[in-house]
Every structure is written in structure tokens, then in C-alpha cells.
Amino acid sequence: MLVDTPSGLSAGRRGGGQAVVVADLVRVRRLSDLEGQQLLRITRRGTGSAIRLRRAMVVLASAGGNTVPAIARLVQADEDTIRQVIHRFNEMGMASLDPQWAGGRPRQISSDEEQFIVETAHTRPEKLGRPFTRWSVRKLADYLGSHAVRRVRIGRERLRQILHRHKLTFQRVVREALSDAGLTVR
């Protein structure tokens, strides 16, 4: 046997006399009665967060004696993910089942850039050297990202949100153009 084996690892011998180091099996700690009942309730109902349900299934399967590869096949997840869920449950208990969502990306568009976007959207594309008569969200986002003087990198959904907040829709521009031509829109 190897003498200086790190904690969490155990030593063994292969058939040819070679020493090998093998990781201990990852298992969930012994569940209390209350934890077992709560986990069963979560898995039986199947309502609420899908992430919470899946994590509860992992913990119950581990408590039932299943190995990490077997649990990974059961819930169709990576073995490392299964180990992480089990370790977190052992450390935190039932709180580890709840997903911890981050707050999102910080705002990257300044108020000056937003004003530039709105002014550009109000300007007809022909006046800005574009070969079309109306903006679409895709065309406007492409123009803003390739503008020579003031480049604004913005995704289509974020652009749509800004235009919506400023009550600017391209359908209104189309209606105005049609009404200018003497046509009516139903």
C-alpha cells in the first residue's frame, strides 16, 4: 500500500503489482427523516423548478446507493456535475437544491449612446447612405455596429427594448410613409 495517499483517495494494487490511487466513491451523507421526506415530496410532485427537481433526484439516487455514473445516466448529466451536486448537498443541505442565479451583465450602453441610437432610428436610412427606405431592427443594429465615427455594439433584443422604451416602432414609420402617399392602413 502507498503510505502518503492524500485524503479522499485510497490506494490499491492492480493485478500486475502496480500501485494505483483511486478516488473514494462520492456519496451523499446520511439523510435526516425530514430531508428524506422533503426530497421525496419534491420528486413526486415534479412541480416548481426543473433544476430543483433534478438535484433532488440526484441526492435521492445517491442516498439509495447508486454510483455517480449510474446517476449521470439516470438524469442525463455529466458525472462531474453529479459529484458537484452531491458535494454541495453534503455542505449546505436542502439549500443546495435551489439555483443561485446571477444578476446579469452590467449595463454597457451609456445615455449618450442611447440618444444616438434613437436619433439614428428617427433618421431615414437613405440620408445616412444606406440603400433602403426603412429600418428594421437587424439593419439598424448592423448600421450602429459598423458606423465609422460612433460605433455602438448592441444586440437586436437590447435594441428592440430601447426602441420600445422610446415608443419608436418601424411599423409606425411605414404607416406614416403610406399616409404621406395618401394610402390608408387598416
C-alpha atoms as a PDB file:
ATOM      1  CA  MET A   1       0.000   0.000   0.000  1.00  0.00           C
ATOM      2  CA  LEU A   2       1.047   3.589  -0.569  1.00  0.00           C
ATOM      3  CA  VAL A   3       1.809   5.413   2.636  1.00  0.00           C
ATOM      4  CA  ASP A   4       1.390   9.069   1.674  1.00  0.00           C
ATOM      5  CA  THR A   5      -2.020   8.972  -0.029  1.00  0.00           C
ATOM      6  CA  PRO A   6      -3.875  12.309   0.064  1.00  0.00           C
ATOM      7  CA  SER A   7      -7.159  12.458   1.935  1.00  0.00           C
ATOM      8  CA  GLY A   8     -10.159  11.483  -0.163  1.00  0.00           C
ATOM      9  CA  LEU A   9      -8.069   8.965  -2.088  1.00  0.00           C
ATOM     10  CA  SER A  10      -7.386   5.343  -1.339  1.00  0.00           C
ATOM     11  CA  ALA A  11      -4.583   3.132  -2.553  1.00  0.00           C
ATOM     12  CA  GLY A  12      -4.913  -0.222  -4.205  1.00  0.00           C
ATOM     13  CA  ARG A  13      -2.972  -2.701  -6.318  1.00  0.00           C
ATOM     14  CA  ARG A  14      -3.515  -3.702  -9.885  1.00  0.00           C
ATOM     15  CA  GLY A  15      -3.117  -7.304 -10.999  1.00  0.00           C
ATOM     16  CA  GLY A  16       0.483  -6.774 -12.175  1.00  0.00           C
ATOM     17  CA  GLY A  17       1.612  -5.479  -8.779  1.00  0.00           C
ATOM     18  CA  GLN A  18       1.385  -1.819  -9.795  1.00  0.00           C
ATOM     19  CA  ALA A  19       0.156   0.593  -7.148  1.00  0.00           C
ATOM     20  CA  VAL A  20      -2.762   2.796  -8.195  1.00  0.00           C
ATOM     21  CA  VAL A  21      -4.522   5.646  -6.460  1.00  0.00           C
ATOM     22  CA  VAL A  22      -8.320   5.572  -6.707  1.00  0.00           C
ATOM     23  CA  ALA A  23     -10.727   8.306  -5.625  1.00  0.00           C
ATOM     24  CA  ASP A  24     -13.172   7.383  -2.881  1.00  0.00           C
ATOM     25  CA  LEU A  25     -16.751   6.952  -4.021  1.00  0.00           C
ATOM     26  CA  VAL A  26     -18.781  10.136  -3.825  1.00  0.00           C
ATOM     27  CA  ARG A  27     -21.886   9.563  -1.742  1.00  0.00           C
ATOM     28  CA  VAL A  28     -24.396  11.817  -0.121  1.00  0.00           C
ATOM     29  CA  ARG A  29     -24.256  11.962   3.669  1.00  0.00           C
ATOM     30  CA  ARG A  30     -26.907  10.182   5.719  1.00  0.00           C
ATOM     31  CA  LEU A  31     -30.231  11.997   5.289  1.00  0.00           C
ATOM     32  CA  SER A  32     -32.403  13.018   8.200  1.00  0.00           C
ATOM     33  CA  ASP A  33     -36.038  11.899   8.178  1.00  0.00           C
ATOM     34  CA  LEU A  34     -37.193  15.443   7.390  1.00  0.00           C
ATOM     35  CA  GLU A  35     -34.734  15.792   4.485  1.00  0.00           C
ATOM     36  CA  GLY A  36     -35.815  12.440   3.063  1.00  0.00           C
ATOM     37  CA  GLN A  37     -39.482  13.423   3.234  1.00  0.00           C
ATOM     38  CA  GLN A  38     -38.814  16.792   1.586  1.00  0.00           C
ATOM     39  CA  LEU A  39     -36.778  15.196  -1.205  1.00  0.00           C
ATOM     40  CA  LEU A  40     -39.498  12.602  -1.843  1.00  0.00           C
ATOM     41  CA  ARG A  41     -42.133  15.354  -1.930  1.00  0.00           C
ATOM     42  CA  ILE A  42     -40.104  17.353  -4.477  1.00  0.00           C
ATOM     43  CA  THR A  43     -39.543  14.368  -6.768  1.00  0.00           C
ATOM     44  CA  ARG A  44     -43.091  13.015  -6.549  1.00  0.00           C
ATOM     45  CA  ARG A  45     -44.801  16.323  -7.242  1.00  0.00           C
ATOM     46  CA  GLY A  46     -42.465  17.311 -10.045  1.00  0.00           C
ATOM     47  CA  THR A  47     -43.718  20.887  -9.874  1.00  0.00           C
ATOM     48  CA  GLY A  48     -41.642  24.009  -9.468  1.00  0.00           C
ATOM     49  CA  SER A  49     -38.107  24.434 -10.718  1.00  0.00           C
ATOM     50  CA  ALA A  50     -36.789  21.730 -13.028  1.00  0.00           C
ATOM     51  CA  ILE A  51     -33.317  22.325 -11.619  1.00  0.00           C
ATOM     52  CA  ARG A  52     -34.525  21.741  -8.063  1.00  0.00           C
ATOM     53  CA  LEU A  53     -36.284  18.530  -9.158  1.00  0.00           C
ATOM     54  CA  ARG A  54     -33.206  17.232 -10.938  1.00  0.00           C
ATOM     55  CA  ARG A  55     -30.919  17.973  -7.988  1.00  0.00           C
ATOM     56  CA  ALA A  56     -33.352  16.263  -5.607  1.00  0.00           C
ATOM     57  CA  MET A  57     -33.340  13.194  -7.866  1.00  0.00           C
ATOM     58  CA  VAL A  58     -29.530  13.144  -7.765  1.00  0.00           C
ATOM     59  CA  VAL A  59     -29.444  13.316  -3.961  1.00  0.00           C
ATOM     60  CA  LEU A  60     -32.095  10.623  -3.559  1.00  0.00           C
ATOM     61  CA  ALA A  61     -30.372   8.336  -6.047  1.00  0.00           C
ATOM     62  CA  SER A  62     -27.069   8.755  -4.206  1.00  0.00           C
ATOM     63  CA  ALA A  63     -28.750   8.096  -0.850  1.00  0.00           C
ATOM     64  CA  GLY A  64     -30.210   4.938  -2.370  1.00  0.00           C
ATOM     65  CA  GLY A  65     -26.720   3.615  -3.046  1.00  0.00           C
ATOM     66  CA  ASN A  66     -26.388   4.368  -6.759  1.00  0.00           C
ATOM     67  CA  THR A  67     -22.975   5.220  -8.149  1.00  0.00           C
ATOM     68  CA  VAL A  68     -22.135   8.519  -9.829  1.00  0.00           C
ATOM     69  CA  PRO A  69     -22.020   7.000 -13.366  1.00  0.00           C
ATOM     70  CA  ALA A  70     -25.428   5.369 -12.821  1.00  0.00           C
ATOM     71  CA  ILE A  71     -26.946   8.658 -11.570  1.00  0.00           C
ATOM     72  CA  ALA A  72     -25.394  10.525 -14.504  1.00  0.00           C
ATOM     73  CA  ARG A  73     -27.129   8.147 -16.914  1.00  0.00           C
ATOM     74  CA  LEU A  74     -30.398   8.464 -14.983  1.00  0.00           C
ATOM     75  CA  VAL A  75     -30.588  12.268 -15.160  1.00  0.00           C
ATOM     76  CA  GLN A  76     -28.561  12.575 -18.380  1.00  0.00           C
ATOM     77  CA  ALA A  77     -25.879  14.799 -16.907  1.00  0.00           C
ATOM     78  CA  ASP A  78     -22.112  14.850 -16.715  1.00  0.00           C
ATOM     79  CA  GLU A  79     -20.516  12.846 -13.908  1.00  0.00           C
ATOM     80  CA  ASP A  80     -18.648  15.930 -12.652  1.00  0.00           C
ATOM     81  CA  THR A  81     -21.962  17.769 -12.343  1.00  0.00           C
ATOM     82  CA  ILE A  82     -23.384  14.907 -10.279  1.00  0.00           C
ATOM     83  CA  ARG A  83     -20.353  14.969  -7.969  1.00  0.00           C
ATOM     84  CA  GLN A  84     -20.706  18.728  -7.570  1.00  0.00           C
ATOM     85  CA  VAL A  85     -24.402  18.433  -6.620  1.00  0.00           C
ATOM     86  CA  ILE A  86     -23.618  15.730  -4.048  1.00  0.00           C
ATOM     87  CA  HIS A  87     -20.725  17.681  -2.513  1.00  0.00           C
ATOM     88  CA  ARG A  88     -22.856  20.840  -2.293  1.00  0.00           C
ATOM     89  CA  PHE A  89     -25.689  18.926  -0.629  1.00  0.00           C
ATOM     90  CA  ASN A  90     -23.257  17.464   1.887  1.00  0.00           C
ATOM     91  CA  GLU A  91     -22.036  21.002   2.716  1.00  0.00           C
ATOM     92  CA  MET A  92     -25.261  23.050   2.542  1.00  0.00           C
ATOM     93  CA  GLY A  93     -28.149  20.628   2.914  1.00  0.00           C
ATOM     94  CA  MET A  94     -31.523  21.394   1.321  1.00  0.00           C
ATOM     95  CA  ALA A  95     -30.459  24.947   0.412  1.00  0.00           C
ATOM     96  CA  SER A  96     -28.126  23.480  -2.220  1.00  0.00           C
ATOM     97  CA  LEU A  97     -31.127  22.407  -4.314  1.00  0.00           C
ATOM     98  CA  ASP A  98     -32.143  25.988  -5.107  1.00  0.00           C
ATOM     99  CA  PRO A  99     -30.477  27.535  -8.161  1.00  0.00           C
ATOM    100  CA  GLN A 100     -28.325  30.587  -7.468  1.00  0.00           C
ATOM    101  CA  TRP A 101     -28.913  32.899 -10.427  1.00  0.00           C
ATOM    102  CA  ALA A 102     -26.529  35.753 -11.063  1.00  0.00           C
ATOM    103  CA  GLY A 103     -27.687  39.344 -11.522  1.00  0.00           C
ATOM    104  CA  GLY A 104     -26.761  39.570 -15.188  1.00  0.00           C
ATOM    105  CA  ARG A 105     -24.350  41.680 -17.153  1.00  0.00           C
ATOM    106  CA  PRO A 106     -23.751  45.283 -16.202  1.00  0.00           C
ATOM    107  CA  ARG A 107     -25.231  47.942 -18.444  1.00  0.00           C
ATOM    108  CA  GLN A 108     -22.903  48.705 -21.351  1.00  0.00           C
ATOM    109  CA  ILE A 109     -24.838  51.366 -23.241  1.00  0.00           C
ATOM    110  CA  SER A 110     -24.457  54.927 -21.994  1.00  0.00           C
ATOM    111  CA  SER A 111     -27.244  57.501 -22.176  1.00  0.00           C
ATOM    112  CA  ASP A 112     -25.311  59.307 -24.952  1.00  0.00           C
ATOM    113  CA  GLU A 113     -25.181  56.104 -26.971  1.00  0.00           C
ATOM    114  CA  GLU A 114     -28.873  55.507 -26.356  1.00  0.00           C
ATOM    115  CA  GLN A 115     -29.671  59.006 -27.609  1.00  0.00           C
ATOM    116  CA  PHE A 116     -27.530  58.345 -30.704  1.00  0.00           C
ATOM    117  CA  ILE A 117     -29.459  55.117 -31.312  1.00  0.00           C
ATOM    118  CA  VAL A 118     -32.810  56.908 -31.078  1.00  0.00           C
ATOM    119  CA  GLU A 119     -31.658  59.740 -33.365  1.00  0.00           C
ATOM    120  CA  THR A 120     -30.361  57.240 -35.905  1.00  0.00           C
ATOM    121  CA  ALA A 121     -33.633  55.299 -35.796  1.00  0.00           C
ATOM    122  CA  HIS A 122     -35.563  58.522 -36.452  1.00  0.00           C
ATOM    123  CA  THR A 123     -33.364  59.336 -39.473  1.00  0.00           C
ATOM    124  CA  ARG A 124     -34.299  57.784 -42.793  1.00  0.00           C
ATOM    125  CA  PRO A 125     -31.691  55.252 -43.950  1.00  0.00           C
ATOM    126  CA  GLU A 126     -31.320  56.980 -47.345  1.00  0.00           C
ATOM    127  CA  LYS A 127     -29.988  60.134 -45.622  1.00  0.00           C
ATOM    128  CA  LEU A 128     -27.302  58.028 -43.931  1.00  0.00           C
ATOM    129  CA  GLY A 129     -26.148  56.452 -47.179  1.00  0.00           C
ATOM    130  CA  ARG A 130     -27.990  53.170 -46.831  1.00  0.00           C
ATOM    131  CA  PRO A 131     -29.650  51.663 -49.922  1.00  0.00           C
ATOM    132  CA  PHE A 132     -33.074  51.036 -48.361  1.00  0.00           C
ATOM    133  CA  THR A 133     -36.062  53.140 -47.386  1.00  0.00           C
ATOM    134  CA  ARG A 134     -36.936  51.766 -43.939  1.00  0.00           C
ATOM    135  CA  TRP A 135     -35.049  50.479 -40.928  1.00  0.00           C
ATOM    136  CA  SER A 136     -35.533  47.062 -39.465  1.00  0.00           C
ATOM    137  CA  VAL A 137     -34.057  46.078 -36.118  1.00  0.00           C
ATOM    138  CA  ARG A 138     -31.454  43.928 -37.891  1.00  0.00           C
ATOM    139  CA  LYS A 139     -30.468  46.670 -40.349  1.00  0.00           C
ATOM    140  CA  LEU A 140     -30.265  49.297 -37.620  1.00  0.00           C
ATOM    141  CA  ALA A 141     -28.115  47.053 -35.380  1.00  0.00           C
ATOM    142  CA  ASP A 142     -25.771  46.356 -38.325  1.00  0.00           C
ATOM    143  CA  TYR A 143     -25.513  50.075 -39.117  1.00  0.00           C
ATOM    144  CA  LEU A 144     -24.798  51.017 -35.494  1.00  0.00           C
ATOM    145  CA  GLY A 145     -22.102  48.345 -35.233  1.00  0.00           C
ATOM    146  CA  SER A 146     -20.339  49.477 -38.410  1.00  0.00           C
ATOM    147  CA  HIS A 147     -20.726  53.278 -38.066  1.00  0.00           C
ATOM    148  CA  ALA A 148     -17.387  54.936 -38.923  1.00  0.00           C
ATOM    149  CA  VAL A 149     -17.492  57.754 -36.335  1.00  0.00           C
ATOM    150  CA  ARG A 150     -19.532  56.306 -33.478  1.00  0.00           C
ATOM    151  CA  ARG A 151     -19.686  52.536 -33.267  1.00  0.00           C
ATOM    152  CA  VAL A 152     -22.297  51.117 -30.877  1.00  0.00           C
ATOM    153  CA  ARG A 153     -22.228  47.361 -30.408  1.00  0.00           C
ATOM    154  CA  ILE A 154     -25.730  46.271 -29.487  1.00  0.00           C
ATOM    155  CA  GLY A 155     -27.749  43.099 -29.794  1.00  0.00           C
ATOM    156  CA  ARG A 156     -31.081  43.033 -31.558  1.00  0.00           C
ATOM    157  CA  GLU A 157     -33.120  42.323 -28.434  1.00  0.00           C
ATOM    158  CA  ARG A 158     -31.483  45.141 -26.468  1.00  0.00           C
ATOM    159  CA  LEU A 159     -32.018  47.476 -29.434  1.00  0.00           C
ATOM    160  CA  ARG A 160     -35.672  46.457 -29.618  1.00  0.00           C
ATOM    161  CA  GLN A 161     -36.067  47.217 -25.893  1.00  0.00           C
ATOM    162  CA  ILE A 162     -34.553  50.692 -26.275  1.00  0.00           C
ATOM    163  CA  LEU A 163     -36.758  51.492 -29.265  1.00  0.00           C
ATOM    164  CA  HIS A 164     -39.820  50.232 -27.390  1.00  0.00           C
ATOM    165  CA  ARG A 165     -38.999  52.402 -24.370  1.00  0.00           C
ATOM    166  CA  HIS A 166     -38.806  55.438 -26.659  1.00  0.00           C
ATOM    167  CA  LYS A 167     -42.095  54.404 -28.296  1.00  0.00           C
ATOM    168  CA  LEU A 168     -40.433  54.023 -31.665  1.00  0.00           C
ATOM    169  CA  THR A 169     -41.710  51.243 -33.885  1.00  0.00           C
ATOM    170  CA  PHE A 170     -40.869  50.784 -37.505  1.00  0.00           C
ATOM    171  CA  GLN A 171     -44.495  49.896 -38.204  1.00  0.00           C
ATOM    172  CA  ARG A 172     -45.388  53.488 -37.332  1.00  0.00           C
ATOM    173  CA  VAL A 173     -42.793  54.726 -39.822  1.00  0.00           C
ATOM    174  CA  VAL A 174     -44.373  52.522 -42.500  1.00  0.00           C
ATOM    175  CA  ARG A 175     -47.856  53.840 -41.651  1.00  0.00           C
ATOM    176  CA  GLU A 176     -46.607  57.431 -41.788  1.00  0.00           C
ATOM    177  CA  ALA A 177     -44.964  56.819 -45.161  1.00  0.00           C
ATOM    178  CA  LEU A 178     -48.167  55.255 -46.501  1.00  0.00           C
ATOM    179  CA  SER A 179     -50.312  58.064 -45.135  1.00  0.00           C
ATOM    180  CA  ASP A 180     -47.907  60.592 -46.717  1.00  0.00           C
ATOM    181  CA  ALA A 181     -48.506  58.811 -50.021  1.00  0.00           C
ATOM    182  CA  GLY A 182     -52.272  59.087 -49.500  1.00  0.00           C
ATOM    183  CA  LEU A 183     -52.849  55.423 -48.647  1.00  0.00           C
ATOM    184  CA  THR A 184     -54.614  54.121 -45.538  1.00  0.00           C
ATOM    185  CA  VAL A 185     -53.699  51.145 -43.387  1.00  0.00           C
ATOM    186  CA  ARG A 186     -56.346  49.061 -41.656  1.00  0.00           C
END
